[in-house]
C-alpha cells in the first residue's frame, strides 16, 4: 500500500443542483443551503430527472463503484418550452474529450434545446462561480484585454 496523495480531480467537490427544483442554484451565494458534494460516478448517475442533467450525462459502465477522474460542470440552457435552467453537477473527466462539446452535440440532436453556457472546472466548488454576463465589468475587461492582444499580435505580423 502506498501513501501517495490522491490524484487531483479524483476527489473533487462540486455543487449538485438544478434551478427548477432549487432557485438558489441559479446564483449560488455564500450563505446558500446548497453544499458541495464529493463527486463519484454513482452520485453523477443519481442526479437525474431533469432534461438538462439527462442531456449532459456521459454514460459509464456501472456496477461496483469505480475511482475515475471527475470534474465539475455548470450548464445554462433553454428547452423547447422556453424554460431556462441552470444545472451544476459532477461530470466524468473527458481527458482530451470536452464534456461541453458532447453536451452541445447532444443539444443539437434534441428539438428546441439551446445551451447558452457550459463550463468544466477541476477545483473544489468551482462550478459555484457566478456566470459572467455580456456587458458586465468582467466581460468588458476581458473584451478590452482581447482587443489589446489582437492589436499586439497584428502589429507583430505586420513588422
Protein backbone atom coordinates (compact mmCIF):
# COMPACT_ATOMS: atom_id res chain seq x y z
CA UNK A 1 0.00 0.00 0.00
CA UNK A 2 1.40 3.41 -0.97
CA UNK A 3 0.93 6.72 0.75
CA UNK A 4 0.68 8.67 -2.48
CA UNK A 5 -1.79 11.56 -2.31
CA UNK A 6 -4.96 11.11 -4.39
CA UNK A 7 -4.66 12.45 -7.90
CA UNK A 8 -6.21 15.85 -8.47
CA UNK A 9 -9.74 15.54 -9.78
CA UNK A 10 -10.41 12.14 -8.22
CA UNK A 11 -11.96 13.69 -5.09
CA UNK A 12 -13.28 16.99 -6.38
CA UNK A 13 -16.27 18.52 -4.57
CA UNK A 14 -18.91 20.09 -6.78
CA UNK A 15 -22.28 21.75 -6.35
CA UNK A 16 -25.07 19.42 -7.50
CA UNK A 17 -28.34 21.20 -8.17
CA UNK A 18 -30.72 22.49 -10.79
CA UNK A 19 -32.64 25.75 -10.77
CA UNK A 20 -36.04 24.16 -11.45
CA UNK A 21 -36.04 22.32 -8.12
CA UNK A 22 -33.96 24.92 -6.21
CA UNK A 23 -33.87 28.58 -7.32
CA UNK A 24 -30.64 29.15 -5.33
CA UNK A 25 -28.86 27.05 -7.98
CA UNK A 26 -29.10 29.91 -10.48
CA UNK A 27 -26.66 32.06 -8.48
CA UNK A 28 -25.06 30.28 -5.51
CA UNK A 29 -24.35 32.68 -2.67
CA UNK A 30 -22.02 32.14 0.32
CA UNK A 31 -24.95 31.57 2.69
CA UNK A 32 -26.69 29.18 0.31
CA UNK A 33 -28.16 25.94 1.60
CA UNK A 34 -26.55 24.15 -1.34
CA UNK A 35 -23.35 22.44 -0.23
CA UNK A 36 -20.71 20.84 -2.46
CA UNK A 37 -20.54 17.05 -2.56
CA UNK A 38 -17.63 14.72 -3.30
CA UNK A 39 -18.05 13.55 -6.89
CA UNK A 40 -18.33 9.89 -7.75
CA UNK A 41 -19.82 8.19 -10.80
CA UNK A 42 -22.72 6.92 -8.65
CA UNK A 43 -23.50 10.47 -7.43
CA UNK A 44 -23.45 11.64 -11.04
CA UNK A 45 -25.74 8.78 -12.09
CA UNK A 46 -28.21 9.54 -9.29
CA UNK A 47 -28.60 13.15 -10.43
CA UNK A 48 -31.39 12.63 -12.90
CA UNK A 49 -34.98 13.54 -13.51
CA UNK A 50 -34.50 16.83 -15.31
CA UNK A 51 -33.95 17.34 -19.01
CA UNK A 52 -30.61 19.14 -18.65
CA UNK A 53 -28.99 16.61 -16.28
CA UNK A 54 -30.10 13.79 -18.56
CA UNK A 55 -28.71 15.62 -21.61
CA UNK A 56 -25.26 16.18 -20.07
CA UNK A 57 -24.72 12.71 -18.67
CA UNK A 58 -21.78 10.78 -20.11
CA UNK A 59 -22.54 7.11 -19.55
CA UNK A 60 -20.03 4.84 -17.91
CA UNK A 61 -20.02 1.14 -17.29
CA UNK A 62 -21.57 0.97 -13.83
CA UNK A 63 -21.75 -1.78 -11.30
CA UNK A 64 -19.23 -1.54 -8.50
CA UNK A 65 -18.10 1.94 -7.58
CA UNK A 66 -15.01 2.86 -9.53
CA UNK A 67 -12.48 5.63 -8.96
CA UNK A 68 -12.17 7.84 -12.01
CA UNK A 69 -11.19 11.47 -12.51
CA UNK A 70 -14.17 13.76 -12.05
CA UNK A 71 -14.74 17.43 -12.87
CA UNK A 72 -17.41 19.98 -12.02
CA UNK A 73 -19.79 21.22 -14.69
CA UNK A 74 -22.14 24.16 -15.00
CA UNK A 75 -24.64 24.48 -17.84
CA UNK A 76 -27.31 27.06 -18.56
CA UNK A 77 -29.80 26.05 -21.24
CA UNK A 78 -33.31 26.67 -22.53
CA UNK A 79 -35.69 23.91 -23.61
CA UNK A 80 -38.37 23.85 -26.31
CA UNK A 81 -40.93 25.34 -23.89
CA UNK A 82 -38.70 28.37 -23.29
CA UNK A 83 -37.79 27.24 -19.76
CA UNK A 84 -34.27 28.24 -18.75
CA UNK A 85 -32.42 26.01 -16.31
CA UNK A 86 -29.07 26.20 -14.58
CA UNK A 87 -27.59 22.80 -13.81
CA UNK A 88 -24.48 22.29 -11.67
CA UNK A 89 -23.08 18.84 -11.12
CA UNK A 90 -20.34 16.27 -11.38
CA UNK A 91 -19.07 15.02 -14.69
CA UNK A 92 -16.58 12.38 -15.78
CA UNK A 93 -13.29 13.96 -16.79
CA UNK A 94 -13.28 13.56 -20.55
CA UNK A 95 -9.49 13.80 -20.82
CA UNK A 96 -8.98 15.00 -24.38
CA UNK A 97 -12.75 14.87 -24.96
CA UNK A 98 -14.58 18.02 -23.84
CA UNK A 99 -17.83 17.19 -21.99
CA UNK A 100 -19.23 20.59 -23.04
CA UNK A 101 -18.74 19.72 -26.71
CA UNK A 102 -20.58 16.46 -26.09
CA UNK A 103 -23.42 18.42 -24.46
CA UNK A 104 -23.57 20.88 -27.37
CA UNK A 105 -23.69 17.93 -29.79
CA UNK A 106 -26.49 16.22 -27.86
CA UNK A 107 -28.41 19.52 -27.67
CA UNK A 108 -28.31 19.84 -31.46
CA UNK A 109 -29.97 16.44 -31.72
CA UNK A 110 -32.77 17.49 -29.36
CA UNK A 111 -35.61 19.64 -30.63
CA UNK A 112 -35.59 23.14 -29.13
CA UNK A 113 -32.71 22.83 -26.63
CA UNK A 114 -30.27 25.73 -26.72
CA UNK A 115 -27.18 25.79 -24.47
CA UNK A 116 -26.23 29.36 -23.52
CA UNK A 117 -23.29 28.47 -21.24
CA UNK A 118 -21.25 25.38 -20.46
CA UNK A 119 -18.09 25.19 -18.38
CA UNK A 120 -15.93 22.47 -16.86
CA UNK A 121 -13.52 23.00 -13.97
CA UNK A 122 -11.36 20.81 -11.75
CA UNK A 123 -11.15 22.62 -8.41
CA UNK A 124 -13.41 22.16 -5.38
CA UNK A 125 -16.61 24.24 -5.58
CA UNK A 126 -15.53 25.80 -8.88
CA UNK A 127 -18.95 25.29 -10.50
CA UNK A 128 -20.44 27.68 -7.96
CA UNK A 129 -19.00 30.71 -9.74
CA UNK A 130 -21.34 33.39 -10.97
CA UNK A 131 -21.93 33.46 -14.71
CA UNK A 132 -20.24 36.36 -16.50
CA UNK A 133 -22.98 38.23 -18.35
CA UNK A 134 -22.46 40.28 -21.54
CA UNK A 135 -21.95 43.91 -20.59
CA UNK A 136 -20.71 43.11 -17.08
CA UNK A 137 -17.45 44.74 -15.91
CA UNK A 138 -15.66 41.35 -16.06
CA UNK A 139 -16.86 40.79 -19.63
CA UNK A 140 -15.86 44.32 -20.68
CA UNK A 141 -12.40 43.85 -19.13
CA UNK A 142 -11.96 40.53 -20.95
CA UNK A 143 -13.04 42.13 -24.23
CA UNK A 144 -10.57 45.00 -23.68
CA UNK A 145 -7.70 42.62 -22.98
CA UNK A 146 -8.58 40.58 -26.07
CA UNK A 147 -8.58 43.75 -28.19
CA UNK A 148 -5.15 44.80 -26.92
CA UNK A 149 -3.74 41.32 -27.56
CA UNK A 150 -5.20 41.33 -31.07
CA UNK A 151 -3.53 44.68 -31.84
CA UNK A 152 -0.18 43.50 -30.45
CA UNK A 153 -0.39 40.22 -32.39
CA UNK A 154 -1.37 42.02 -35.62
CA UNK A 155 1.42 44.57 -35.27
CA UNK A 156 3.98 41.75 -34.83
CA UNK A 157 2.79 40.12 -38.02
CA UNK A 158 2.97 43.35 -39.99
CA UNK A 159 6.50 44.20 -38.87
